[in-house]
N, C-alpha and C. Protein backbone atom coordinates (compact mmCIF):
# COMPACT_ATOMS: atom_id res chain seq x y z
N MET A 1 -8.31 19.52 -15.67
CA MET A 1 -8.92 19.17 -14.56
C MET A 1 -9.04 20.19 -13.74
N SER A 2 -9.94 20.42 -13.18
CA SER A 2 -10.60 21.42 -11.69
C SER A 2 -11.03 20.59 -10.97
N VAL A 3 -11.12 20.80 -9.37
CA VAL A 3 -11.76 20.74 -8.39
C VAL A 3 -13.49 21.43 -8.15
N GLU A 4 -14.30 20.48 -8.30
CA GLU A 4 -15.78 21.23 -7.91
C GLU A 4 -15.96 20.95 -6.84
N LYS A 5 -15.73 20.49 -6.02
CA LYS A 5 -16.35 20.18 -5.02
C LYS A 5 -15.61 18.41 -3.85
N ILE A 6 -15.12 19.01 -2.67
CA ILE A 6 -14.29 17.77 -1.85
C ILE A 6 -15.22 17.68 -0.84
N THR A 7 -15.69 16.46 -0.38
CA THR A 7 -16.18 15.64 0.64
C THR A 7 -15.41 14.94 0.98
N PRO A 8 -14.73 15.13 2.47
CA PRO A 8 -13.92 14.53 3.08
C PRO A 8 -15.10 13.37 4.15
N VAL A 9 -14.26 11.98 3.67
CA VAL A 9 -14.59 10.80 4.62
C VAL A 9 -14.40 9.84 5.77
N PHE A 10 -13.34 9.98 5.49
CA PHE A 10 -12.34 9.53 6.56
C PHE A 10 -11.32 9.65 6.42
N THR A 11 -10.48 10.21 7.79
CA THR A 11 -8.91 10.29 8.14
C THR A 11 -8.66 9.40 8.93
N GLY A 12 -7.29 8.54 8.50
CA GLY A 12 -7.07 7.80 9.33
C GLY A 12 -5.27 8.18 9.84
N ARG A 13 -4.94 6.97 10.32
CA ARG A 13 -3.21 7.00 10.33
C ARG A 13 -2.87 7.24 9.28
N VAL A 14 -2.75 6.89 8.17
CA VAL A 14 -1.93 6.34 7.09
C VAL A 14 -2.46 7.39 5.51
N ILE A 15 -3.98 7.41 5.97
CA ILE A 15 -4.82 7.54 4.68
C ILE A 15 -5.98 8.43 4.89
N GLN A 16 -6.26 9.56 4.14
CA GLN A 16 -7.43 10.47 3.95
C GLN A 16 -8.28 9.54 3.02
N VAL A 17 -9.57 9.75 2.99
CA VAL A 17 -10.34 9.19 1.96
C VAL A 17 -11.46 10.41 1.86
N ASN A 18 -11.48 10.81 0.33
CA ASN A 18 -12.76 12.26 0.05
C ASN A 18 -13.19 11.37 -1.14
N VAL A 19 -14.46 11.81 -1.34
CA VAL A 19 -15.42 11.80 -2.91
C VAL A 19 -15.29 13.49 -3.06
N GLU A 20 -15.09 12.97 -4.55
CA GLU A 20 -14.76 14.65 -5.16
C GLU A 20 -15.34 14.86 -5.93
N GLN A 21 -15.95 16.11 -6.70
CA GLN A 21 -16.48 16.17 -7.81
C GLN A 21 -15.36 17.39 -8.73
N VAL A 22 -14.88 16.02 -9.81
CA VAL A 22 -13.81 16.76 -10.65
C VAL A 22 -14.14 17.19 -12.17
N ARG A 23 -13.70 18.58 -12.77
CA ARG A 23 -13.85 18.98 -13.88
C ARG A 23 -13.06 18.14 -15.32
N LEU A 24 -12.89 17.07 -15.50
CA LEU A 24 -12.38 16.46 -16.18
C LEU A 24 -11.97 17.49 -17.90
N PRO A 25 -10.70 16.55 -18.43
CA PRO A 25 -10.37 17.61 -20.11
C PRO A 25 -11.13 17.89 -20.67
N ASN A 26 -12.21 16.40 -20.81
CA ASN A 26 -13.25 16.78 -21.74
C ASN A 26 -14.62 17.53 -21.42
N ASP A 27 -14.53 18.36 -20.01
CA ASP A 27 -15.32 18.60 -19.67
C ASP A 27 -16.76 18.57 -19.23
N TYR A 28 -16.53 16.69 -18.88
CA TYR A 28 -17.39 15.74 -17.97
C TYR A 28 -16.83 16.36 -16.57
N VAL A 29 -17.82 16.23 -15.86
CA VAL A 29 -17.71 16.41 -14.28
C VAL A 29 -17.95 15.34 -13.66
N ALA A 30 -17.40 13.92 -13.04
CA ALA A 30 -17.24 13.05 -12.61
C ALA A 30 -17.06 12.96 -11.03
N THR A 31 -17.85 12.23 -10.93
CA THR A 31 -17.62 12.19 -8.92
C THR A 31 -16.43 10.73 -8.82
N LEU A 32 -15.08 11.27 -8.30
CA LEU A 32 -14.46 10.20 -8.01
C LEU A 32 -14.23 9.89 -6.49
N GLU A 33 -14.09 8.70 -5.77
CA GLU A 33 -13.35 8.55 -4.42
C GLU A 33 -12.08 8.56 -4.67
N MET A 34 -11.12 9.37 -3.82
CA MET A 34 -10.21 9.30 -3.64
C MET A 34 -9.47 9.11 -2.67
N VAL A 35 -8.39 8.32 -2.74
CA VAL A 35 -7.86 7.81 -1.25
C VAL A 35 -6.21 8.70 -1.10
N TYR A 36 -5.68 8.89 -0.58
CA TYR A 36 -5.17 10.30 -0.53
C TYR A 36 -3.90 9.38 0.29
N HIS A 37 -2.87 9.21 0.20
CA HIS A 37 -1.54 8.78 0.85
C HIS A 37 -0.21 9.51 0.89
N PRO A 38 0.18 9.17 1.82
CA PRO A 38 2.00 10.39 1.65
C PRO A 38 2.98 10.01 0.55
N GLY A 39 2.61 8.57 0.20
CA GLY A 39 3.96 7.71 -0.56
C GLY A 39 4.87 6.99 -0.20
N GLY A 40 5.72 6.36 -0.52
CA GLY A 40 6.51 5.73 0.03
C GLY A 40 7.69 5.33 -0.73
N ALA A 41 8.60 4.48 0.09
CA ALA A 41 9.96 4.19 -1.38
C ALA A 41 10.51 2.76 -1.25
N ALA A 42 10.75 1.93 -2.29
CA ALA A 42 11.33 0.80 -2.51
C ALA A 42 12.47 0.54 -2.60
N ILE A 43 12.94 -0.39 -2.06
CA ILE A 43 14.73 -0.67 -2.07
C ILE A 43 15.00 -1.79 -2.68
N LEU A 44 15.57 -1.75 -4.32
CA LEU A 44 16.29 -3.12 -4.50
C LEU A 44 17.40 -3.26 -4.33
N ALA A 45 17.65 -4.28 -3.04
CA ALA A 45 19.64 -4.38 -2.56
C ALA A 45 19.92 -5.27 -3.33
N LEU A 46 20.78 -4.86 -3.83
CA LEU A 46 21.83 -6.07 -4.51
C LEU A 46 23.31 -6.40 -3.56
N ASP A 47 23.26 -7.14 -3.51
CA ASP A 47 24.82 -7.66 -2.93
C ASP A 47 25.85 -8.36 -3.64
N ASP A 48 27.08 -7.89 -3.19
CA ASP A 48 28.26 -8.62 -4.30
C ASP A 48 28.13 -9.79 -4.79
N ALA A 49 27.20 -10.54 -4.72
CA ALA A 49 27.06 -12.09 -4.76
C ALA A 49 25.89 -11.87 -6.41
N ASN A 50 25.19 -10.51 -6.31
CA ASN A 50 24.04 -10.66 -7.31
C ASN A 50 22.84 -10.94 -6.56
N ARG A 51 22.40 -10.63 -5.83
CA ARG A 51 21.46 -11.46 -4.71
C ARG A 51 21.00 -10.24 -4.54
N VAL A 52 19.57 -9.77 -4.71
CA VAL A 52 18.62 -9.20 -4.47
C VAL A 52 17.67 -9.84 -2.90
N CYS A 53 17.52 -8.60 -2.05
CA CYS A 53 16.49 -9.11 -0.79
C CYS A 53 14.72 -8.68 -1.40
N LEU A 54 14.72 -9.70 -1.10
CA LEU A 54 12.93 -10.27 -1.04
C LEU A 54 12.70 -9.95 0.51
N VAL A 55 11.27 -10.24 0.59
CA VAL A 55 10.49 -9.97 1.98
C VAL A 55 9.75 -11.03 1.66
N ARG A 56 9.35 -11.99 2.77
CA ARG A 56 8.54 -12.58 2.24
C ARG A 56 7.55 -12.01 3.77
N GLN A 57 6.61 -11.26 2.96
CA GLN A 57 5.71 -10.46 4.15
C GLN A 57 4.53 -11.06 4.30
N TYR A 58 3.79 -10.87 5.73
CA TYR A 58 2.36 -11.06 5.89
C TYR A 58 1.48 -9.83 5.34
N ARG A 59 0.41 -9.67 4.36
CA ARG A 59 -0.43 -8.42 3.86
C ARG A 59 -1.63 -9.40 3.81
N HIS A 60 -2.36 -8.59 5.19
CA HIS A 60 -3.46 -8.61 5.55
C HIS A 60 -4.53 -8.43 3.99
N ALA A 61 -4.07 -7.71 3.56
CA ALA A 61 -5.12 -7.32 2.27
C ALA A 61 -4.61 -7.97 1.04
N ALA A 62 -3.91 -9.05 1.25
CA ALA A 62 -3.53 -10.01 0.19
C ALA A 62 -3.82 -11.16 1.01
N LYS A 63 -4.02 -11.76 1.97
CA LYS A 63 -5.25 -12.63 2.19
C LYS A 63 -3.47 -13.29 3.04
N GLY A 64 -2.17 -13.23 3.11
CA GLY A 64 -1.75 -13.93 3.05
C GLY A 64 -0.29 -13.39 3.09
N PHE A 65 1.02 -14.53 3.01
CA PHE A 65 2.32 -13.55 2.70
C PHE A 65 2.09 -13.65 1.15
N ILE A 66 2.97 -12.14 1.10
CA ILE A 66 4.06 -11.99 -0.11
C ILE A 66 4.62 -11.98 -0.92
N TRP A 67 5.75 -12.10 -1.71
CA TRP A 67 7.00 -11.22 -1.96
C TRP A 67 7.38 -9.83 -1.97
N GLU A 68 7.90 -8.94 -1.75
CA GLU A 68 8.71 -7.93 -1.77
C GLU A 68 9.11 -7.48 -2.02
N LEU A 69 9.94 -6.27 -2.51
CA LEU A 69 11.15 -5.51 -1.84
C LEU A 69 11.26 -4.85 -0.72
N PRO A 70 12.16 -4.77 0.44
CA PRO A 70 11.69 -4.05 1.24
C PRO A 70 11.52 -2.50 1.28
N ALA A 71 10.62 -2.35 1.86
CA ALA A 71 9.84 -0.73 1.45
C ALA A 71 9.11 -0.30 2.76
N GLY A 72 8.20 1.02 2.54
CA GLY A 72 7.55 1.40 3.55
C GLY A 72 7.52 3.02 3.30
N LYS A 73 6.73 3.35 4.08
CA LYS A 73 6.10 5.18 3.93
C LYS A 73 6.75 5.97 4.17
N LEU A 74 6.50 7.05 3.83
CA LEU A 74 7.12 8.47 3.93
C LEU A 74 6.55 9.07 5.19
N ASP A 75 7.59 8.80 6.35
CA ASP A 75 7.03 9.32 7.74
C ASP A 75 7.32 11.07 7.62
N ASN A 76 6.17 11.97 7.86
CA ASN A 76 6.88 13.35 8.19
C ASN A 76 6.94 14.03 7.37
N LYS A 77 6.53 13.63 5.79
CA LYS A 77 7.17 14.32 4.35
C LYS A 77 8.93 14.02 4.79
N GLU A 78 9.40 12.62 4.97
CA GLU A 78 10.94 13.02 4.63
C GLU A 78 11.22 12.36 3.86
N PRO A 79 12.48 13.03 2.91
CA PRO A 79 12.58 13.03 1.65
C PRO A 79 12.84 11.46 1.03
N PRO A 80 11.90 10.97 -0.28
CA PRO A 80 12.54 9.59 -0.16
C PRO A 80 13.22 8.56 -0.14
N LEU A 81 14.22 9.30 -0.51
CA LEU A 81 16.19 8.37 -0.03
C LEU A 81 16.20 8.28 1.11
N GLN A 82 15.74 8.86 2.03
CA GLN A 82 15.68 8.66 3.46
C GLN A 82 15.01 8.30 4.29
N THR A 83 13.94 7.76 3.45
CA THR A 83 13.14 6.59 3.45
C THR A 83 13.60 5.26 3.09
N ALA A 84 14.01 5.17 1.58
CA ALA A 84 15.00 4.07 1.63
C ALA A 84 15.96 3.94 2.10
N GLN A 85 16.31 4.35 2.72
CA GLN A 85 17.49 4.00 3.49
C GLN A 85 17.26 3.73 4.82
N ARG A 86 16.16 4.08 5.89
CA ARG A 86 15.60 3.84 6.88
C ARG A 86 14.88 2.15 6.64
N GLU A 87 14.48 2.24 5.75
CA GLU A 87 13.66 0.82 5.39
C GLU A 87 14.88 -0.39 4.93
N LEU A 88 15.98 0.02 4.65
CA LEU A 88 16.68 -1.21 4.18
C LEU A 88 17.36 -1.81 5.29
N GLU A 89 17.89 -0.56 6.25
CA GLU A 89 18.09 -0.89 7.58
C GLU A 89 17.09 -1.86 8.67
N GLU A 90 15.89 -1.43 8.62
CA GLU A 90 14.89 -1.86 9.60
C GLU A 90 14.29 -2.88 9.22
N GLU A 91 14.56 -3.28 7.95
CA GLU A 91 13.60 -4.63 7.18
C GLU A 91 14.66 -5.72 6.76
N ALA A 92 15.79 -4.98 6.07
CA ALA A 92 17.49 -6.16 5.55
C ALA A 92 18.21 -6.35 6.15
N GLY A 93 18.71 -5.24 7.19
CA GLY A 93 19.59 -5.17 8.19
C GLY A 93 21.05 -4.96 7.29
N ARG A 94 20.55 -4.00 6.60
CA ARG A 94 21.77 -3.85 5.35
C ARG A 94 21.83 -2.09 5.52
N ARG A 95 23.23 -1.70 5.29
CA ARG A 95 23.38 0.01 4.53
C ARG A 95 24.02 0.06 3.56
N ALA A 96 23.60 1.40 2.44
CA ALA A 96 24.18 0.66 1.03
C ALA A 96 25.21 2.32 1.46
N SER A 97 26.11 1.75 0.22
CA SER A 97 27.57 3.36 0.42
C SER A 97 26.84 3.82 -0.88
N GLU A 98 26.18 2.96 -2.02
CA GLU A 98 25.84 3.66 -3.17
C GLU A 98 24.08 3.67 -3.53
N TRP A 99 23.81 4.45 -4.11
CA TRP A 99 22.00 4.71 -4.15
C TRP A 99 21.90 5.05 -5.44
N ARG A 100 21.21 4.61 -5.91
CA ARG A 100 20.66 5.05 -7.54
C ARG A 100 19.05 4.94 -7.90
N SER A 101 18.24 6.42 -7.88
CA SER A 101 17.14 6.43 -8.21
C SER A 101 16.64 4.88 -9.51
N LEU A 102 15.41 4.40 -9.23
CA LEU A 102 15.70 3.70 -10.78
C LEU A 102 13.77 4.57 -11.00
N GLY A 103 13.41 6.23 -10.05
CA GLY A 103 12.03 6.61 -10.56
C GLY A 103 11.36 6.07 -9.73
N ASP A 104 10.03 6.61 -9.86
CA ASP A 104 8.77 5.95 -9.22
C ASP A 104 8.16 5.59 -9.78
N CYS A 105 6.81 5.05 -9.22
CA CYS A 105 5.52 4.11 -10.12
C CYS A 105 4.17 4.49 -8.71
N LEU A 106 3.15 4.24 -9.82
CA LEU A 106 1.79 4.59 -8.91
C LEU A 106 0.87 3.47 -8.89
N SER A 107 0.70 3.37 -7.82
CA SER A 107 -0.03 2.02 -7.04
C SER A 107 -1.22 1.66 -7.81
N SER A 108 -2.04 2.64 -7.98
CA SER A 108 -3.34 2.40 -8.46
C SER A 108 -3.76 3.83 -8.67
N PRO A 109 -3.40 4.38 -9.79
CA PRO A 109 -3.47 5.67 -9.94
C PRO A 109 -4.98 6.07 -10.38
N GLY A 110 -6.48 4.78 -10.70
CA GLY A 110 -7.36 5.40 -10.83
C GLY A 110 -8.04 6.27 -8.86
N ILE A 111 -7.53 5.77 -8.14
CA ILE A 111 -8.11 5.43 -7.08
C ILE A 111 -7.07 6.00 -5.80
N PHE A 112 -5.79 5.75 -5.77
CA PHE A 112 -5.14 6.35 -5.30
C PHE A 112 -3.84 7.44 -5.51
N THR A 113 -3.68 8.39 -4.48
CA THR A 113 -2.34 9.23 -5.10
C THR A 113 -1.14 8.71 -4.57
N GLU A 114 -1.16 7.71 -4.02
CA GLU A 114 0.18 7.11 -3.65
C GLU A 114 1.05 7.35 -4.77
N VAL A 115 2.66 7.84 -4.52
CA VAL A 115 3.43 7.71 -5.35
C VAL A 115 5.15 7.24 -4.20
N ILE A 116 5.63 5.73 -5.23
CA ILE A 116 6.67 4.95 -4.35
C ILE A 116 7.79 5.18 -5.47
N HIS A 117 8.91 5.33 -4.84
CA HIS A 117 10.14 5.80 -4.86
C HIS A 117 10.85 4.78 -5.04
N LEU A 118 11.37 4.62 -6.50
CA LEU A 118 12.57 3.15 -6.12
C LEU A 118 13.85 3.56 -6.81
N PHE A 119 14.43 2.68 -5.64
CA PHE A 119 16.00 2.98 -5.73
C PHE A 119 16.36 1.60 -5.26
N LEU A 120 17.55 1.67 -6.06
CA LEU A 120 18.75 -0.02 -6.42
C LEU A 120 20.03 0.39 -5.13
N ALA A 121 20.29 -0.03 -4.74
CA ALA A 121 20.89 -0.24 -2.69
C ALA A 121 21.68 -0.92 -3.63
N THR A 122 23.63 0.01 -3.19
CA THR A 122 24.30 -1.29 -3.62
C THR A 122 25.31 -0.89 -2.27
N GLY A 123 26.82 -1.63 -2.83
CA GLY A 123 27.57 -1.70 -1.74
C GLY A 123 27.00 -1.76 0.40
N LEU A 124 26.53 -3.13 0.11
CA LEU A 124 25.76 -3.24 1.30
C LEU A 124 27.24 -4.01 2.24
N THR A 125 26.44 -3.35 3.79
CA THR A 125 27.38 -3.80 4.89
C THR A 125 26.11 -3.77 6.01
N GLU A 126 26.20 -4.99 6.46
CA GLU A 126 25.40 -5.36 7.53
C GLU A 126 25.12 -5.02 9.07
N VAL A 127 23.65 -4.46 9.45
CA VAL A 127 23.74 -4.02 10.51
C VAL A 127 22.37 -4.60 11.48
N PRO A 128 22.24 -4.31 12.43
CA PRO A 128 20.80 -4.92 12.99
C PRO A 128 19.27 -4.21 12.31
N ASN A 129 18.75 -5.51 12.10
CA ASN A 129 17.22 -4.85 11.78
C ASN A 129 16.62 -4.26 12.50
N GLN A 130 15.35 -3.71 12.37
CA GLN A 130 14.72 -3.28 13.53
C GLN A 130 13.40 -3.23 13.03
N LEU A 131 12.42 -4.49 13.19
CA LEU A 131 11.67 -4.71 12.30
C LEU A 131 10.15 -3.66 13.61
N GLU A 132 9.32 -2.99 12.98
CA GLU A 132 7.83 -2.96 13.92
C GLU A 132 7.28 -3.88 13.87
N ALA A 133 6.78 -3.38 15.12
CA ALA A 133 5.52 -4.80 16.05
C ALA A 133 4.49 -5.32 15.03
N ALA A 134 4.44 -4.60 14.02
CA ALA A 134 3.26 -4.84 13.17
C ALA A 134 3.76 -5.34 11.86
N GLU A 135 4.67 -5.84 11.47
CA GLU A 135 5.57 -6.50 10.54
C GLU A 135 5.89 -7.88 10.83
N VAL A 136 5.25 -8.77 10.09
CA VAL A 136 5.88 -9.99 9.81
C VAL A 136 6.43 -10.35 8.87
N LEU A 137 7.66 -10.51 9.12
CA LEU A 137 8.03 -10.60 7.46
C LEU A 137 9.72 -11.01 7.77
N ASP A 138 10.14 -12.09 6.66
CA ASP A 138 11.36 -12.33 6.59
C ASP A 138 11.97 -12.15 5.12
N ALA A 139 13.55 -11.66 5.68
CA ALA A 139 14.66 -10.79 4.33
C ALA A 139 15.29 -12.21 3.86
N HIS A 140 15.43 -12.49 2.60
CA HIS A 140 15.71 -13.34 1.70
C HIS A 140 16.82 -13.27 0.77
N TRP A 141 18.10 -13.82 0.26
CA TRP A 141 18.37 -12.99 -0.67
C TRP A 141 18.32 -14.22 -1.47
N VAL A 142 18.34 -13.62 -2.95
CA VAL A 142 17.49 -14.16 -3.77
C VAL A 142 18.36 -13.25 -4.98
N PRO A 143 19.09 -15.38 -5.63
CA PRO A 143 20.06 -14.57 -7.02
C PRO A 143 19.30 -13.26 -7.70
N PHE A 144 19.39 -12.99 -8.64
CA PHE A 144 18.96 -11.88 -9.39
C PHE A 144 18.10 -11.96 -10.52
N ASP A 145 18.55 -13.39 -11.12
CA ASP A 145 17.98 -14.12 -12.03
C ASP A 145 16.83 -14.81 -11.74
N GLU A 146 17.04 -15.24 -10.20
CA GLU A 146 15.87 -16.12 -10.05
C GLU A 146 14.86 -15.11 -9.67
N ALA A 147 14.65 -14.06 -9.04
CA ALA A 147 14.35 -12.69 -8.39
C ALA A 147 13.41 -12.83 -9.85
N VAL A 148 14.17 -12.39 -11.10
CA VAL A 148 13.32 -11.89 -11.91
C VAL A 148 12.30 -13.01 -12.58
N ARG A 149 12.91 -14.07 -12.49
CA ARG A 149 12.22 -15.54 -12.90
C ARG A 149 10.85 -15.46 -12.55
N MET A 150 11.29 -15.41 -10.81
CA MET A 150 10.06 -15.14 -9.99
C MET A 150 8.79 -14.33 -10.43
N ALA A 151 9.26 -13.14 -10.67
CA ALA A 151 8.30 -11.97 -11.22
C ALA A 151 7.72 -12.68 -12.45
N GLN A 152 8.37 -12.92 -13.44
CA GLN A 152 7.79 -13.45 -14.75
C GLN A 152 6.68 -15.02 -14.24
N SER A 153 7.21 -15.21 -13.68
CA SER A 153 5.97 -16.73 -13.61
C SER A 153 5.00 -15.92 -12.38
N GLY A 154 4.70 -15.20 -11.98
CA GLY A 154 3.50 -14.68 -11.15
C GLY A 154 3.75 -15.11 -9.83
N GLU A 155 4.93 -15.33 -9.34
CA GLU A 155 5.38 -15.60 -7.87
C GLU A 155 5.52 -14.68 -7.06
N ILE A 156 6.18 -13.70 -7.94
CA ILE A 156 5.73 -12.31 -7.63
C ILE A 156 4.84 -11.10 -8.27
N ARG A 157 3.96 -10.57 -6.95
CA ARG A 157 2.34 -10.01 -7.52
C ARG A 157 2.69 -8.56 -7.09
N ASP A 158 3.42 -8.28 -6.64
CA ASP A 158 3.73 -6.80 -5.97
C ASP A 158 3.97 -6.17 -7.02
N GLY A 159 3.30 -4.59 -7.16
CA GLY A 159 3.40 -4.10 -8.26
C GLY A 159 5.24 -3.42 -7.93
N LYS A 160 5.23 -2.96 -6.97
CA LYS A 160 6.31 -2.11 -7.03
C LYS A 160 7.70 -2.94 -7.49
N THR A 161 8.01 -4.31 -6.59
CA THR A 161 8.72 -5.02 -6.84
C THR A 161 9.45 -5.20 -8.54
N LEU A 162 7.47 -5.89 -8.95
CA LEU A 162 7.74 -6.12 -10.51
C LEU A 162 8.72 -4.81 -11.14
N ALA A 163 7.67 -3.50 -10.55
CA ALA A 163 8.41 -2.29 -11.38
C ALA A 163 9.98 -2.61 -11.27
N ALA A 164 10.34 -2.52 -9.94
CA ALA A 164 12.06 -2.26 -9.51
C ALA A 164 12.74 -3.03 -10.34
N LEU A 165 12.50 -4.39 -10.26
CA LEU A 165 13.18 -5.28 -11.28
C LEU A 165 13.19 -4.90 -12.84
N LEU A 166 12.26 -4.75 -13.10
CA LEU A 166 12.31 -4.18 -14.34
C LEU A 166 13.05 -3.03 -15.01
N ARG A 167 13.28 -2.30 -14.22
CA ARG A 167 14.12 -0.83 -13.67
C ARG A 167 15.37 -1.34 -13.61
N ALA A 168 15.80 -2.48 -12.74
CA ALA A 168 16.84 -2.86 -12.57
C ALA A 168 17.88 -3.54 -13.41
N LEU A 169 17.35 -3.38 -14.43
CA LEU A 169 17.94 -4.91 -15.31
C LEU A 169 19.07 -3.74 -16.28
N PRO A 170 19.11 -2.57 -16.52
CA PRO A 170 20.32 -2.07 -17.01
C PRO A 170 21.26 -2.22 -16.40
N TYR A 171 21.37 -2.73 -14.44
CA TYR A 171 22.11 -2.14 -13.88
C TYR A 171 22.63 -3.04 -13.23
N VAL A 172 22.49 -4.13 -13.84
CA VAL A 172 22.37 -5.58 -13.28
C VAL A 172 23.28 -6.56 -14.42
N GLN A 173 24.39 -7.18 -13.92
CA GLN A 173 24.84 -8.36 -14.36
C GLN A 173 23.47 -9.69 -14.69
N THR A 174 23.34 -10.22 -15.61
CA THR A 174 22.48 -11.10 -15.35
C THR A 174 23.14 -12.30 -16.15
N SER A 175 22.92 -13.78 -16.11
CA SER A 175 23.40 -14.58 -16.99
C SER A 175 22.78 -14.53 -18.34
N ALA A 176 21.83 -13.65 -18.69
CA ALA A 176 21.49 -13.50 -19.82
C ALA A 176 22.53 -12.63 -20.61
N GLY A 177 22.93 -11.62 -19.97
CA GLY A 177 23.57 -10.46 -20.78
C GLY A 177 24.50 -10.06 -19.83
């Protein structure tokens, strides 16, 4: 694929939007609307009681509250693990002594460049949380099996949370295994 022409449309605090003409692998030239995002990190924090931290967060785009993992945007090109560590403290009020990468996921690759890095955090200790003014959320500690049930039932709709729960299964003791 090659980019033939880029027309910037909007640059904001978090995203940039371009209209791009690209030559696809089949040689077709397509006009695509692209949203550039710096990426983020999401944390599946698991405590000693096998409970996962889920936040019930207000999301304007979702028209209400949704269940998701603590997560946030990579600030100033910081490494994904550093973002995860910061967000775990800010949103869940926890610090972890052990971190494991669960890989990454793409939020909507047809239009967004955002890559979300997923982490499993264990060895948790409590610290003061530090929510930003624009964050409307409550942290809840839910048994891992219950979180998986919430994902399977559709109660959890957030893609990064679904991906992290699935990828964490080999590392978490569940009632099924």
